Amino acid sequence: VCVFASMLVVLLQSAANLVNDAKDAERGVDTAARLGPTRVVQSGILSKQFVRFAYSLCFGLAAIIVLGMFYYTKDWLVIAVAGLCGLAAFSYTAGPFPLSYFAMGEVVAFIFFGPVAVMGSAYLQTGTISWGVAFWGAGCGFISAAIMAINNFRDRMNDSKAGKHTLATILGHEAGKRLPVVFVALSFVILVLYCANHEVIGLGLIGCVGGYFYMTRRITPFLNSKGPEVNLALKHTAQYNLLYALYFMFCVSMGSL
């Protein structure tokens, strides 16, 4: 089940990225002035038709995996949650109400890469719904929201010109630059609360100190850049998400002793 769940996540994330690539190019959001990685449709590397086929294939394979998981679990909740995740992946930049165009990017990242991902994975392996697990999953959700906030902060000028509304275009330069820092700081709070609740508060404080030094040396300095160096903040925040998850797993194991 864990392997199938991982495959499902990869397929839905791939589909979401491909939909984003195609739709942003179609709406004129992606231009040659973009600071982010090369977009395959906007740059002409791949045609819009091919990318549409690719994301349709990803969604189709994801549906097959979901049906297999349903056959194994006999649980309609699996269908419901997976369907909601698929809808979010498509609706992020497509459909009549593209979420990323209405300042919902950080919210979507928080929900689906935090509480939904963690609680869903736990449910598939235990058969039990735990809102406590969903709450602790908010830590990774906040870091995922920080990644989205940095992405939108980097693209705020192009997005504003194209009429795409994100938190970065609404908040402006200074507040938009601080938003990822707030999200990362909130992940510290989740870690400390978990460790305090499981009598390993020392580990939580150590994690916060380490996270603070990582943030001030590997993330915030690059947010001051006006060029492509801001992509390093994006890269380092994604790396921090992995480190945070691994350290949280360590705290969970120590707290259960």
C-alpha atoms as a PDB file:
ATOM      1  CA  VAL A   1       0.000   0.000   0.000  1.00  0.00           C
ATOM      2  CA  CYS A   2       2.833   2.386   0.844  1.00  0.00           C
ATOM      3  CA  VAL A   3       4.445   1.794  -2.556  1.00  0.00           C
ATOM      4  CA  PHE A   4       1.166   2.368  -4.399  1.00  0.00           C
ATOM      5  CA  ALA A   5       0.501   5.524  -2.384  1.00  0.00           C
ATOM      6  CA  SER A   6       3.961   6.847  -3.298  1.00  0.00           C
ATOM      7  CA  MET A   7       3.363   6.085  -6.980  1.00  0.00           C
ATOM      8  CA  LEU A   8       0.016   7.876  -6.789  1.00  0.00           C
ATOM      9  CA  VAL A   9       1.627  10.985  -5.304  1.00  0.00           C
ATOM     10  CA  VAL A  10       4.315  11.060  -8.007  1.00  0.00           C
ATOM     11  CA  LEU A  11       1.743  10.700 -10.792  1.00  0.00           C
ATOM     12  CA  LEU A  12      -0.567  13.392  -9.419  1.00  0.00           C
ATOM     13  CA  GLN A  13       2.322  15.788  -8.809  1.00  0.00           C
ATOM     14  CA  SER A  14       3.608  15.158 -12.337  1.00  0.00           C
ATOM     15  CA  ALA A  15       0.132  15.727 -13.757  1.00  0.00           C
ATOM     16  CA  ALA A  16      -0.272  18.960 -11.782  1.00  0.00           C
ATOM     17  CA  ASN A  17       3.090  20.265 -13.019  1.00  0.00           C
ATOM     18  CA  LEU A  18       2.239  19.436 -16.632  1.00  0.00           C
ATOM     19  CA  VAL A  19      -1.192  21.061 -16.386  1.00  0.00           C
ATOM     20  CA  ASN A  20       0.466  24.110 -14.833  1.00  0.00           C
ATOM     21  CA  ASP A  21       3.026  24.268 -17.635  1.00  0.00           C
ATOM     22  CA  ALA A  22       0.391  24.072 -20.371  1.00  0.00           C
ATOM     23  CA  LYS A  23      -2.171  26.432 -18.842  1.00  0.00           C
ATOM     24  CA  ASP A  24       0.301  29.119 -17.760  1.00  0.00           C
ATOM     25  CA  ALA A  25       1.709  29.188 -21.290  1.00  0.00           C
ATOM     26  CA  GLU A  26      -1.794  29.328 -22.730  1.00  0.00           C
ATOM     27  CA  ARG A  27      -2.717  32.309 -20.540  1.00  0.00           C
ATOM     28  CA  GLY A  28       0.528  34.149 -21.225  1.00  0.00           C
ATOM     29  CA  VAL A  29       1.796  33.933 -17.638  1.00  0.00           C
ATOM     30  CA  ASP A  30       5.054  32.225 -18.639  1.00  0.00           C
ATOM     31  CA  THR A  31       7.299  34.433 -20.768  1.00  0.00           C
ATOM     32  CA  ALA A  32      10.958  34.576 -21.731  1.00  0.00           C
ATOM     33  CA  ALA A  33      11.500  36.937 -18.774  1.00  0.00           C
ATOM     34  CA  ARG A  34      10.581  34.211 -16.278  1.00  0.00           C
ATOM     35  CA  LEU A  35      13.227  33.597 -13.586  1.00  0.00           C
ATOM     36  CA  GLY A  36      12.228  30.002 -12.897  1.00  0.00           C
ATOM     37  CA  PRO A  37      13.238  26.781 -14.668  1.00  0.00           C
ATOM     38  CA  THR A  38      12.485  26.446 -18.377  1.00  0.00           C
ATOM     39  CA  ARG A  39       8.844  25.651 -19.158  1.00  0.00           C
ATOM     40  CA  VAL A  40       8.492  23.102 -21.931  1.00  0.00           C
ATOM     41  CA  VAL A  41       5.416  24.608 -23.620  1.00  0.00           C
ATOM     42  CA  GLN A  42       6.395  28.278 -23.385  1.00  0.00           C
ATOM     43  CA  SER A  43       9.910  27.518 -24.665  1.00  0.00           C
ATOM     44  CA  GLY A  44       8.618  25.367 -27.513  1.00  0.00           C
ATOM     45  CA  ILE A  45      10.397  22.200 -26.366  1.00  0.00           C
ATOM     46  CA  LEU A  46       7.086  20.315 -26.337  1.00  0.00           C
ATOM     47  CA  SER A  47       3.754  21.104 -27.938  1.00  0.00           C
ATOM     48  CA  LYS A  48       0.682  21.896 -25.882  1.00  0.00           C
ATOM     49  CA  GLN A  49      -1.020  18.844 -27.393  1.00  0.00           C
ATOM     50  CA  PHE A  50       1.772  16.515 -26.272  1.00  0.00           C
ATOM     51  CA  VAL A  51       1.772  17.948 -22.750  1.00  0.00           C
ATOM     52  CA  ARG A  52      -2.014  17.537 -22.619  1.00  0.00           C
ATOM     53  CA  PHE A  53      -1.570  13.879 -23.593  1.00  0.00           C
ATOM     54  CA  ALA A  54       1.152  13.473 -20.948  1.00  0.00           C
ATOM     55  CA  TYR A  55      -0.914  14.830 -18.075  1.00  0.00           C
ATOM     56  CA  SER A  56      -3.953  12.841 -19.228  1.00  0.00           C
ATOM     57  CA  LEU A  57      -1.785   9.715 -19.133  1.00  0.00           C
ATOM     58  CA  CYS A  58      -0.614  10.563 -15.604  1.00  0.00           C
ATOM     59  CA  PHE A  59      -4.200  11.022 -14.430  1.00  0.00           C
ATOM     60  CA  GLY A  60      -5.199   7.761 -16.122  1.00  0.00           C
ATOM     61  CA  LEU A  61      -2.404   5.771 -14.486  1.00  0.00           C
ATOM     62  CA  ALA A  62      -3.261   7.389 -11.153  1.00  0.00           C
ATOM     63  CA  ALA A  63      -6.881   6.256 -11.555  1.00  0.00           C
ATOM     64  CA  ILE A  64      -5.730   2.673 -12.185  1.00  0.00           C
ATOM     65  CA  ILE A  65      -3.639   2.740  -9.008  1.00  0.00           C
ATOM     66  CA  VAL A  66      -6.574   4.122  -7.017  1.00  0.00           C
ATOM     67  CA  LEU A  67      -8.799   1.304  -8.277  1.00  0.00           C
ATOM     68  CA  GLY A  68      -6.121  -1.186  -7.245  1.00  0.00           C
ATOM     69  CA  MET A  69      -5.936   0.348  -3.780  1.00  0.00           C
ATOM     70  CA  PHE A  70      -9.720   0.225  -3.541  1.00  0.00           C
ATOM     71  CA  TYR A  71      -9.698  -3.461  -4.515  1.00  0.00           C
ATOM     72  CA  TYR A  72      -7.153  -4.099  -1.758  1.00  0.00           C
ATOM     73  CA  THR A  73      -8.840  -2.029   0.974  1.00  0.00           C
ATOM     74  CA  LYS A  74     -12.539  -2.267  -0.036  1.00  0.00           C
ATOM     75  CA  ASP A  75     -12.832   1.272   1.324  1.00  0.00           C
ATOM     76  CA  TRP A  76     -14.760   3.988  -0.520  1.00  0.00           C
ATOM     77  CA  LEU A  77     -12.908   6.650   1.462  1.00  0.00           C
ATOM     78  CA  VAL A  78      -9.824   5.811  -0.590  1.00  0.00           C
ATOM     79  CA  ILE A  79     -11.736   6.687  -3.768  1.00  0.00           C
ATOM     80  CA  ALA A  80     -13.079   9.906  -2.226  1.00  0.00           C
ATOM     81  CA  VAL A  81      -9.739  11.233  -0.953  1.00  0.00           C
ATOM     82  CA  ALA A  82      -7.830  10.236  -4.083  1.00  0.00           C
ATOM     83  CA  GLY A  83     -10.512  11.847  -6.227  1.00  0.00           C
ATOM     84  CA  LEU A  84     -10.246  15.061  -4.214  1.00  0.00           C
ATOM     85  CA  CYS A  85      -6.468  15.051  -4.645  1.00  0.00           C
ATOM     86  CA  GLY A  86      -6.837  14.515  -8.389  1.00  0.00           C
ATOM     87  CA  LEU A  87      -9.360  17.337  -8.628  1.00  0.00           C
ATOM     88  CA  ALA A  88      -6.998  19.661  -6.760  1.00  0.00           C
ATOM     89  CA  ALA A  89      -4.094  18.684  -9.032  1.00  0.00           C
ATOM     90  CA  PHE A  90      -6.133  19.592 -12.123  1.00  0.00           C
ATOM     91  CA  SER A  91      -7.913  22.632 -10.701  1.00  0.00           C
ATOM     92  CA  TYR A  92      -4.707  24.226  -9.467  1.00  0.00           C
ATOM     93  CA  THR A  93      -4.250  25.915 -12.857  1.00  0.00           C
ATOM     94  CA  ALA A  94      -7.112  24.562 -14.993  1.00  0.00           C
ATOM     95  CA  GLY A  95     -10.880  24.717 -15.084  1.00  0.00           C
ATOM     96  CA  PRO A  96     -13.255  27.653 -14.560  1.00  0.00           C
ATOM     97  CA  PHE A  97     -11.727  28.553 -11.170  1.00  0.00           C
ATOM     98  CA  PRO A  98      -7.961  27.867 -11.284  1.00  0.00           C
ATOM     99  CA  LEU A  99      -6.938  27.945  -7.637  1.00  0.00           C
ATOM    100  CA  SER A 100      -3.448  29.324  -8.204  1.00  0.00           C
ATOM    101  CA  TYR A 101      -4.929  32.368  -9.971  1.00  0.00           C
ATOM    102  CA  PHE A 102      -6.977  33.312  -6.917  1.00  0.00           C
ATOM    103  CA  ALA A 103      -4.255  33.369  -4.231  1.00  0.00           C
ATOM    104  CA  MET A 104      -4.983  29.787  -3.133  1.00  0.00           C
ATOM    105  CA  GLY A 105      -1.616  28.244  -4.003  1.00  0.00           C
ATOM    106  CA  GLU A 106      -0.214  28.249  -0.476  1.00  0.00           C
ATOM    107  CA  VAL A 107      -3.485  26.922   0.950  1.00  0.00           C
ATOM    108  CA  VAL A 108      -3.548  24.019  -1.517  1.00  0.00           C
ATOM    109  CA  ALA A 109       0.110  23.194  -0.846  1.00  0.00           C
ATOM    110  CA  PHE A 110      -0.450  23.256   2.918  1.00  0.00           C
ATOM    111  CA  ILE A 111      -3.542  21.036   2.856  1.00  0.00           C
ATOM    112  CA  PHE A 112      -2.484  18.395   0.353  1.00  0.00           C
ATOM    113  CA  PHE A 113       1.229  18.155   1.195  1.00  0.00           C
ATOM    114  CA  GLY A 114       0.582  18.338   4.923  1.00  0.00           C
ATOM    115  CA  PRO A 115      -2.489  17.027   6.772  1.00  0.00           C
ATOM    116  CA  VAL A 116      -4.037  15.164   3.813  1.00  0.00           C
ATOM    117  CA  ALA A 117      -0.792  13.465   2.782  1.00  0.00           C
ATOM    118  CA  VAL A 118       0.203  12.429   6.306  1.00  0.00           C
ATOM    119  CA  MET A 119      -3.245  11.419   7.535  1.00  0.00           C
ATOM    120  CA  GLY A 120      -3.999   9.643   4.254  1.00  0.00           C
ATOM    121  CA  SER A 121      -0.770   7.646   4.367  1.00  0.00           C
ATOM    122  CA  ALA A 122      -1.390   6.701   7.993  1.00  0.00           C
ATOM    123  CA  TYR A 123      -4.977   5.679   7.227  1.00  0.00           C
ATOM    124  CA  LEU A 124      -3.929   3.421   4.359  1.00  0.00           C
ATOM    125  CA  GLN A 125      -1.545   1.550   6.639  1.00  0.00           C
ATOM    126  CA  THR A 126      -3.561   1.476   9.869  1.00  0.00           C
ATOM    127  CA  GLY A 127      -7.186   1.748   8.749  1.00  0.00           C
ATOM    128  CA  THR A 128      -7.721   4.451  11.374  1.00  0.00           C
ATOM    129  CA  ILE A 129      -8.481   8.138  10.880  1.00  0.00           C
ATOM    130  CA  SER A 130      -6.504  10.262  13.329  1.00  0.00           C
ATOM    131  CA  TRP A 131      -6.979  14.019  13.461  1.00  0.00           C
ATOM    132  CA  GLY A 132      -3.939  14.159  15.712  1.00  0.00           C
ATOM    133  CA  VAL A 133      -1.843  12.728  12.881  1.00  0.00           C
ATOM    134  CA  ALA A 134      -3.321  15.345  10.553  1.00  0.00           C
ATOM    135  CA  PHE A 135      -2.310  18.092  12.990  1.00  0.00           C
ATOM    136  CA  TRP A 136       1.276  16.855  13.251  1.00  0.00           C
ATOM    137  CA  GLY A 137       1.357  16.633   9.461  1.00  0.00           C
ATOM    138  CA  ALA A 138       0.817  20.385   9.363  1.00  0.00           C
ATOM    139  CA  GLY A 139       4.570  20.839   9.869  1.00  0.00           C
ATOM    140  CA  CYS A 140       5.422  19.534   6.401  1.00  0.00           C
ATOM    141  CA  GLY A 141       2.357  21.362   5.121  1.00  0.00           C
ATOM    142  CA  PHE A 142       3.707  24.700   6.317  1.00  0.00           C
ATOM    143  CA  ILE A 143       7.067  24.061   4.656  1.00  0.00           C
ATOM    144  CA  SER A 144       5.288  23.114   1.420  1.00  0.00           C
ATOM    145  CA  ALA A 145       3.361  26.384   1.704  1.00  0.00           C
ATOM    146  CA  ALA A 146       6.709  28.157   2.130  1.00  0.00           C
ATOM    147  CA  ILE A 147       7.957  26.548  -1.090  1.00  0.00           C
ATOM    148  CA  MET A 148       4.854  27.777  -2.891  1.00  0.00           C
ATOM    149  CA  ALA A 149       5.252  31.243  -1.357  1.00  0.00           C
ATOM    150  CA  ILE A 150       8.851  31.481  -2.599  1.00  0.00           C
ATOM    151  CA  ASN A 151       7.776  30.302  -6.046  1.00  0.00           C
ATOM    152  CA  ASN A 152       5.075  32.977  -6.178  1.00  0.00           C
ATOM    153  CA  PHE A 153       7.420  35.624  -4.754  1.00  0.00           C
ATOM    154  CA  ARG A 154       9.900  34.879  -7.534  1.00  0.00           C
ATOM    155  CA  ASP A 155       7.206  35.074 -10.237  1.00  0.00           C
ATOM    156  CA  ARG A 156       5.265  38.016  -8.781  1.00  0.00           C
ATOM    157  CA  MET A 157       6.192  40.513 -11.523  1.00  0.00           C
ATOM    158  CA  ASN A 158       5.190  38.262 -14.427  1.00  0.00           C
ATOM    159  CA  ASP A 159       2.094  37.084 -12.557  1.00  0.00           C
ATOM    160  CA  SER A 160       0.991  40.646 -11.876  1.00  0.00           C
ATOM    161  CA  LYS A 161       1.370  41.642 -15.526  1.00  0.00           C
ATOM    162  CA  ALA A 162      -0.636  38.588 -16.634  1.00  0.00           C
ATOM    163  CA  GLY A 163      -3.425  39.245 -14.129  1.00  0.00           C
ATOM    164  CA  LYS A 164      -2.622  36.216 -11.976  1.00  0.00           C
ATOM    165  CA  HIS A 165      -3.406  36.930  -8.329  1.00  0.00           C
ATOM    166  CA  THR A 166      -1.154  35.267  -5.757  1.00  0.00           C
ATOM    167  CA  LEU A 167      -0.397  36.154  -2.158  1.00  0.00           C
ATOM    168  CA  ALA A 168       2.901  37.620  -3.362  1.00  0.00           C
ATOM    169  CA  THR A 169       1.199  39.981  -5.834  1.00  0.00           C
ATOM    170  CA  ILE A 170      -1.358  40.983  -3.196  1.00  0.00           C
ATOM    171  CA  LEU A 171       1.049  41.460  -0.275  1.00  0.00           C
ATOM    172  CA  GLY A 172       3.804  43.187  -2.216  1.00  0.00           C
ATOM    173  CA  HIS A 173       7.571  42.816  -2.056  1.00  0.00           C
ATOM    174  CA  GLU A 174       8.368  43.157   1.655  1.00  0.00           C
ATOM    175  CA  ALA A 175       5.448  41.165   3.081  1.00  0.00           C
ATOM    176  CA  GLY A 176       5.734  38.609   0.283  1.00  0.00           C
ATOM    177  CA  LYS A 177       9.384  38.093   1.178  1.00  0.00           C
ATOM    178  CA  ARG A 178       8.522  37.494   4.836  1.00  0.00           C
ATOM    179  CA  LEU A 179       5.669  35.058   4.170  1.00  0.00           C
ATOM    180  CA  PRO A 180       7.896  31.974   3.556  1.00  0.00           C
ATOM    181  CA  VAL A 181       9.778  32.731   6.774  1.00  0.00           C
ATOM    182  CA  VAL A 182       6.482  32.780   8.695  1.00  0.00           C
ATOM    183  CA  PHE A 183       5.491  29.416   7.237  1.00  0.00           C
ATOM    184  CA  VAL A 184       8.839  27.821   8.130  1.00  0.00           C
ATOM    185  CA  ALA A 185       8.587  29.263  11.658  1.00  0.00           C
ATOM    186  CA  LEU A 186       5.137  27.678  12.026  1.00  0.00           C
ATOM    187  CA  SER A 187       6.690  24.304  11.206  1.00  0.00           C
ATOM    188  CA  PHE A 188       8.974  24.846  14.223  1.00  0.00           C
ATOM    189  CA  VAL A 189       5.876  25.342  16.388  1.00  0.00           C
ATOM    190  CA  ILE A 190       4.374  22.030  15.239  1.00  0.00           C
ATOM    191  CA  LEU A 191       7.627  20.201  15.999  1.00  0.00           C
ATOM    192  CA  VAL A 192       7.904  21.677  19.494  1.00  0.00           C
ATOM    193  CA  LEU A 193       4.252  20.925  20.278  1.00  0.00           C
ATOM    194  CA  TYR A 194       4.674  17.309  19.212  1.00  0.00           C
ATOM    195  CA  CYS A 195       7.852  16.850  21.234  1.00  0.00           C
ATOM    196  CA  ALA A 196       6.316  18.525  24.296  1.00  0.00           C
ATOM    197  CA  ASN A 197       3.266  16.269  24.000  1.00  0.00           C
ATOM    198  CA  HIS A 198       5.476  13.171  23.886  1.00  0.00           C
ATOM    199  CA  GLU A 199       7.967  14.170  26.589  1.00  0.00           C
ATOM    200  CA  VAL A 200      10.922  14.757  24.264  1.00  0.00           C
ATOM    201  CA  ILE A 201      10.818  18.555  24.359  1.00  0.00           C
ATOM    202  CA  GLY A 202      14.618  18.728  24.217  1.00  0.00           C
ATOM    203  CA  LEU A 203      14.597  17.186  20.754  1.00  0.00           C
ATOM    204  CA  GLY A 204      12.046  19.742  19.630  1.00  0.00           C
ATOM    205  CA  LEU A 205      14.170  22.642  20.836  1.00  0.00           C
ATOM    206  CA  ILE A 206      17.277  21.193  19.188  1.00  0.00           C
ATOM    207  CA  GLY A 207      15.342  20.835  15.943  1.00  0.00           C
ATOM    208  CA  CYS A 208      14.164  24.442  16.136  1.00  0.00           C
ATOM    209  CA  VAL A 209      17.681  25.770  16.698  1.00  0.00           C
ATOM    210  CA  GLY A 210      18.974  23.714  13.777  1.00  0.00           C
ATOM    211  CA  GLY A 211      16.064  24.812  11.607  1.00  0.00           C
ATOM    212  CA  TYR A 212      16.614  28.465  12.502  1.00  0.00           C
ATOM    213  CA  PHE A 213      20.279  28.354  11.518  1.00  0.00           C
ATOM    214  CA  TYR A 214      19.398  26.535   8.297  1.00  0.00           C
ATOM    215  CA  MET A 215      16.748  29.110   7.439  1.00  0.00           C
ATOM    216  CA  THR A 216      18.912  32.163   8.145  1.00  0.00           C
ATOM    217  CA  ARG A 217      21.860  30.801   6.170  1.00  0.00           C
ATOM    218  CA  ARG A 218      20.280  28.784   3.366  1.00  0.00           C
ATOM    219  CA  ILE A 219      16.895  30.389   2.681  1.00  0.00           C
ATOM    220  CA  THR A 220      16.411  34.021   3.707  1.00  0.00           C
ATOM    221  CA  PRO A 221      19.665  35.394   2.163  1.00  0.00           C
ATOM    222  CA  PHE A 222      18.512  34.341  -1.311  1.00  0.00           C
ATOM    223  CA  LEU A 223      15.091  35.948  -0.900  1.00  0.00           C
ATOM    224  CA  ASN A 224      16.828  39.315  -1.166  1.00  0.00           C
ATOM    225  CA  SER A 225      18.005  38.497  -4.678  1.00  0.00           C
ATOM    226  CA  LYS A 226      16.281  40.074  -7.671  1.00  0.00           C
ATOM    227  CA  GLY A 227      17.720  37.538 -10.101  1.00  0.00           C
ATOM    228  CA  PRO A 228      17.561  33.779 -10.620  1.00  0.00           C
ATOM    229  CA  GLU A 229      19.484  33.249  -7.350  1.00  0.00           C
ATOM    230  CA  VAL A 230      16.087  33.260  -5.634  1.00  0.00           C
ATOM    231  CA  ASN A 231      15.726  29.737  -7.029  1.00  0.00           C
ATOM    232  CA  LEU A 232      18.327  28.671  -4.464  1.00  0.00           C
ATOM    233  CA  ALA A 233      15.900  29.639  -1.698  1.00  0.00           C
ATOM    234  CA  LEU A 234      13.345  27.386  -3.390  1.00  0.00           C
ATOM    235  CA  LYS A 235      15.825  24.518  -3.635  1.00  0.00           C
ATOM    236  CA  HIS A 236      17.036  24.832  -0.055  1.00  0.00           C
ATOM    237  CA  THR A 237      13.484  25.013   1.334  1.00  0.00           C
ATOM    238  CA  ALA A 238      12.594  21.800  -0.502  1.00  0.00           C
ATOM    239  CA  GLN A 239      15.701  20.181   0.988  1.00  0.00           C
ATOM    240  CA  TYR A 240      14.686  21.454   4.410  1.00  0.00           C
ATOM    241  CA  ASN A 241      11.283  19.802   4.005  1.00  0.00           C
ATOM    242  CA  LEU A 242      13.020  16.441   3.622  1.00  0.00           C
ATOM    243  CA  LEU A 243      15.334  17.079   6.581  1.00  0.00           C
ATOM    244  CA  TYR A 244      12.377  18.199   8.693  1.00  0.00           C
ATOM    245  CA  ALA A 245      10.391  15.060   7.848  1.00  0.00           C
ATOM    246  CA  LEU A 246      13.332  12.800   8.684  1.00  0.00           C
ATOM    247  CA  TYR A 247      13.963  14.585  11.984  1.00  0.00           C
ATOM    248  CA  PHE A 248      10.262  14.454  12.838  1.00  0.00           C
ATOM    249  CA  MET A 249      10.351  10.689  12.218  1.00  0.00           C
ATOM    250  CA  PHE A 250      13.288  10.464  14.619  1.00  0.00           C
ATOM    251  CA  CYS A 251      11.349  12.417  17.250  1.00  0.00           C
ATOM    252  CA  VAL A 252       8.337  10.127  16.761  1.00  0.00           C
ATOM    253  CA  SER A 253      10.502   7.049  17.293  1.00  0.00           C
ATOM    254  CA  MET A 254      12.105   8.530  20.414  1.00  0.00           C
ATOM    255  CA  GLY A 255       8.758   9.680  21.768  1.00  0.00           C
ATOM    256  CA  SER A 256       7.316   6.182  21.464  1.00  0.00           C
ATOM    257  CA  LEU A 257      10.032   4.549  23.582  1.00  0.00           C
END
